[in-house]
Amino acid sequence: GKVRSDNGGDYRDATYNFNGQQKKSKYFGLALKDIVQPDEMIIIGTHGSMWDNFFIELGIDDEQILELTEQAQQNNIDEKLLSKLFQLAEEKLNIPINFCLITYAQNEKEQIDFIYQITNLFQSGDQATLDITHGLRHHPLLVQHVINLLPALKNTQVKGLYYGALELTTDHITPVMRLDGLNT
């Protein structure tokens, strides 16, 4: 996702409420990681996502951050630029991290490619927990198709679909919504 520069150009801290357990973070996915304790993280973003802010939040100080910021503003981030930074992120988070650059899914072909890309991140027997918090507003509609396809195509069990509802923050507590119940 992106934050407008007139809003400070960064996500704001939120205290996410996971059914009574609270985690504070700018990035919902990092809070979710602490709750579900996955074996691996897959971070998905576009060629213009705020990857730089994510790495800065992790405390990664690398000369490539400035280049990442510049490339994001031009929707021009590539895998080579992200690879080294994700190696550093793995060390910081102590977990294997995969990343995937996706399109904006603006037309039917890109939407099908999006579904194909995400589905193919999983292997038979995987258990998936998905976070749709920081994505573009139409991406969750496409993710719904992904979670419908994963069990049939990849023998992957969807353990959860989460959304950190920042817009519903009350008394400095942000509710976490589970959306996977809709699949039952």
Protein backbone atom coordinates (compact mmCIF):
# COMPACT_ATOMS: atom_id res chain seq x y z
CA GLY A 1 0.00 0.00 0.00
CA LYS A 2 0.85 3.67 -0.04
CA VAL A 3 0.32 6.58 2.32
CA ARG A 4 -0.05 10.06 0.91
CA SER A 5 2.91 12.33 1.58
CA ASP A 6 0.61 14.92 3.20
CA ASN A 7 -0.12 12.25 5.83
CA GLY A 8 3.57 12.00 6.70
CA GLY A 9 4.38 9.35 4.08
CA ASP A 10 4.37 6.54 6.61
CA TYR A 11 1.88 4.22 8.23
CA ARG A 12 0.92 5.17 11.74
CA ASP A 13 1.35 2.97 14.78
CA ALA A 14 -1.70 0.96 15.74
CA THR A 15 -2.46 -1.32 18.65
CA TYR A 16 -4.17 -4.29 17.01
CA ASN A 17 -6.60 -6.30 19.10
CA PHE A 18 -6.45 -10.00 18.23
CA ASN A 19 -9.39 -11.31 20.23
CA GLY A 20 -8.05 -9.82 23.47
CA GLN A 21 -4.34 -10.09 22.68
CA GLN A 22 -2.84 -6.74 21.65
CA LYS A 23 0.16 -6.04 19.43
CA LYS A 24 1.46 -2.58 18.48
CA SER A 25 2.94 -2.06 15.02
CA LYS A 26 2.83 0.15 11.94
CA TYR A 27 2.60 -2.98 9.84
CA PHE A 28 -0.27 -5.31 10.54
CA GLY A 29 1.64 -8.23 9.03
CA LEU A 30 4.37 -7.90 11.66
CA ALA A 31 1.78 -7.97 14.44
CA LEU A 32 0.07 -10.95 12.81
CA LYS A 33 3.44 -12.74 12.59
CA ASP A 34 3.75 -12.52 16.37
CA ILE A 35 0.27 -13.99 16.83
CA VAL A 36 0.29 -16.88 14.33
CA GLN A 37 4.06 -17.58 14.47
CA PRO A 38 4.43 -18.83 10.88
CA ASP A 39 7.27 -20.96 9.55
CA GLU A 40 7.73 -18.52 6.67
CA MET A 41 6.45 -15.11 5.59
CA ILE A 42 5.57 -14.11 2.06
CA ILE A 43 5.36 -10.37 1.54
CA ILE A 44 3.50 -9.20 -1.53
CA GLY A 45 3.61 -5.75 -3.06
CA THR A 46 3.56 -3.79 -6.27
CA HIS A 47 6.39 -2.07 -8.09
CA GLY A 48 5.34 1.13 -6.29
CA SER A 49 4.59 -0.18 -2.79
CA MET A 50 6.18 1.38 0.28
CA TRP A 51 8.82 -1.33 0.58
CA ASP A 52 11.31 1.27 1.85
CA ASN A 53 9.14 2.11 4.88
CA PHE A 54 8.86 -1.58 5.73
CA PHE A 55 12.64 -2.03 5.81
CA ILE A 56 13.12 1.20 7.76
CA GLU A 57 10.53 -0.04 10.31
CA LEU A 58 12.66 -3.15 10.77
CA GLY A 59 15.69 -0.96 11.49
CA ILE A 60 17.50 -1.89 8.30
CA ASP A 61 19.96 0.85 7.43
CA ASP A 62 21.27 0.22 3.96
CA GLU A 63 22.28 2.49 1.10
CA GLN A 64 19.72 0.74 -1.10
CA ILE A 65 16.81 2.21 0.91
CA LEU A 66 17.17 5.58 -0.84
CA GLU A 67 17.19 3.90 -4.24
CA LEU A 68 14.14 1.87 -3.20
CA THR A 69 12.30 5.08 -2.28
CA GLU A 70 13.13 6.66 -5.62
CA GLN A 71 12.12 3.57 -7.58
CA ALA A 72 8.82 3.24 -5.68
CA GLN A 73 7.86 6.78 -6.65
CA GLN A 74 8.32 5.75 -10.29
CA ASN A 75 6.58 2.34 -9.90
CA ASN A 76 9.87 0.79 -10.89
CA ILE A 77 10.95 -1.51 -8.04
CA ASP A 78 12.42 -4.80 -9.23
CA GLU A 79 13.30 -8.11 -7.61
CA LYS A 80 17.05 -7.49 -7.72
CA LEU A 81 16.67 -4.36 -5.61
CA LEU A 82 14.52 -6.17 -3.05
CA SER A 83 16.59 -9.37 -2.77
CA LYS A 84 19.43 -8.02 -0.61
CA LEU A 85 17.05 -6.12 1.64
CA PHE A 86 14.92 -9.19 2.24
CA GLN A 87 18.02 -11.13 3.24
CA LEU A 88 18.61 -8.46 5.90
CA ALA A 89 14.93 -8.61 6.90
CA GLU A 90 15.18 -12.39 7.42
CA GLU A 91 18.04 -11.81 9.84
CA LYS A 92 16.05 -9.14 11.73
CA LEU A 93 12.85 -11.19 11.96
CA ASN A 94 14.56 -14.58 12.37
CA ILE A 95 12.21 -16.21 9.85
CA PRO A 96 12.49 -17.15 6.17
CA ILE A 97 10.88 -14.50 3.99
CA ASN A 98 9.81 -14.77 0.40
CA PHE A 99 8.56 -11.77 -1.53
CA CYS A 100 6.45 -11.37 -4.62
CA LEU A 101 6.03 -8.39 -6.91
CA ILE A 102 2.49 -8.20 -8.24
CA THR A 103 0.73 -6.00 -10.76
CA TYR A 104 -1.92 -3.47 -9.86
CA ALA A 105 -4.45 -5.92 -11.39
CA GLN A 106 -6.16 -3.18 -13.35
CA ASN A 107 -7.63 -5.36 -16.10
CA GLU A 108 -8.81 -8.92 -16.56
CA LYS A 109 -5.42 -10.26 -17.70
CA GLU A 110 -3.60 -8.67 -14.75
CA GLN A 111 -6.31 -9.92 -12.36
CA ILE A 112 -5.90 -13.49 -13.61
CA ASP A 113 -2.11 -13.12 -13.39
CA PHE A 114 -2.50 -11.86 -9.80
CA ILE A 115 -4.55 -14.92 -8.83
CA TYR A 116 -2.10 -17.22 -10.61
CA GLN A 117 0.93 -15.59 -8.93
CA ILE A 118 -0.48 -15.78 -5.41
CA THR A 119 -1.81 -19.31 -5.82
CA ASN A 120 1.58 -20.50 -7.05
CA LEU A 121 3.35 -19.23 -3.93
CA PHE A 122 1.96 -22.27 -2.10
CA GLN A 123 2.81 -25.96 -2.23
CA SER A 124 0.75 -29.05 -1.47
CA GLY A 125 0.27 -29.45 2.26
CA ASP A 126 0.94 -25.80 3.12
CA GLN A 127 -1.17 -23.97 5.66
CA ALA A 128 -1.79 -20.34 4.74
CA THR A 129 -2.69 -17.30 6.80
CA LEU A 130 -3.34 -14.23 4.69
CA ASP A 131 -3.35 -10.53 5.55
CA ILE A 132 -5.16 -8.09 3.27
CA THR A 133 -4.65 -4.98 5.41
CA HIS A 134 -2.19 -2.86 3.43
CA GLY A 135 -3.32 -3.77 -0.08
CA LEU A 136 -5.19 -1.86 -2.70
CA ARG A 137 -8.94 -1.96 -2.10
CA HIS A 138 -9.69 -4.35 -4.96
CA HIS A 139 -6.95 -6.86 -4.12
CA PRO A 140 -9.00 -8.49 -1.31
CA LEU A 141 -11.64 -9.40 -3.90
CA LEU A 142 -8.96 -11.22 -5.85
CA VAL A 143 -7.55 -12.82 -2.69
CA GLN A 144 -11.02 -14.26 -2.05
CA HIS A 145 -10.65 -16.19 -5.31
CA VAL A 146 -7.20 -17.33 -4.23
CA ILE A 147 -8.45 -18.77 -0.95
CA ASN A 148 -11.27 -20.55 -2.78
CA LEU A 149 -8.75 -22.11 -5.18
CA LEU A 150 -5.93 -23.03 -2.77
CA PRO A 151 -7.54 -26.14 -1.24
CA ALA A 152 -8.57 -27.56 -4.61
CA LEU A 153 -5.55 -26.65 -6.72
CA LYS A 154 -2.72 -26.77 -4.20
CA ASN A 155 -4.06 -28.90 -1.33
CA THR A 156 -3.35 -25.86 0.85
CA GLN A 157 -5.38 -25.24 3.99
CA VAL A 158 -6.36 -21.61 4.62
CA LYS A 159 -5.97 -21.05 8.36
CA GLY A 160 -7.04 -17.42 8.38
CA LEU A 161 -7.78 -14.29 6.39
CA TYR A 162 -7.12 -11.16 8.46
CA TYR A 163 -7.79 -7.45 8.14
CA GLY A 164 -6.56 -4.80 10.58
CA ALA A 165 -9.39 -2.23 10.51
CA LEU A 166 -7.47 0.98 11.20
CA GLU A 167 -10.52 3.07 10.24
CA LEU A 168 -12.43 1.51 13.16
CA THR A 169 -9.85 2.39 15.82
CA THR A 170 -11.54 3.37 19.08
CA ASP A 171 -9.71 4.49 22.22
CA HIS A 172 -6.38 3.74 20.48
CA ILE A 173 -7.31 0.08 19.90
CA THR A 174 -7.66 -1.22 16.33
CA PRO A 175 -9.94 -4.21 15.81
CA VAL A 176 -8.73 -7.20 13.83
CA MET A 177 -11.29 -8.87 11.61
CA ARG A 178 -11.22 -12.50 10.58
CA LEU A 179 -12.78 -12.90 7.17
CA ASP A 180 -12.09 -16.57 6.52
CA GLY A 181 -15.35 -17.67 8.16
CA LEU A 182 -17.10 -16.63 4.96
CA ASN A 183 -15.55 -19.66 3.24
CA THR A 184 -17.44 -22.09 5.44
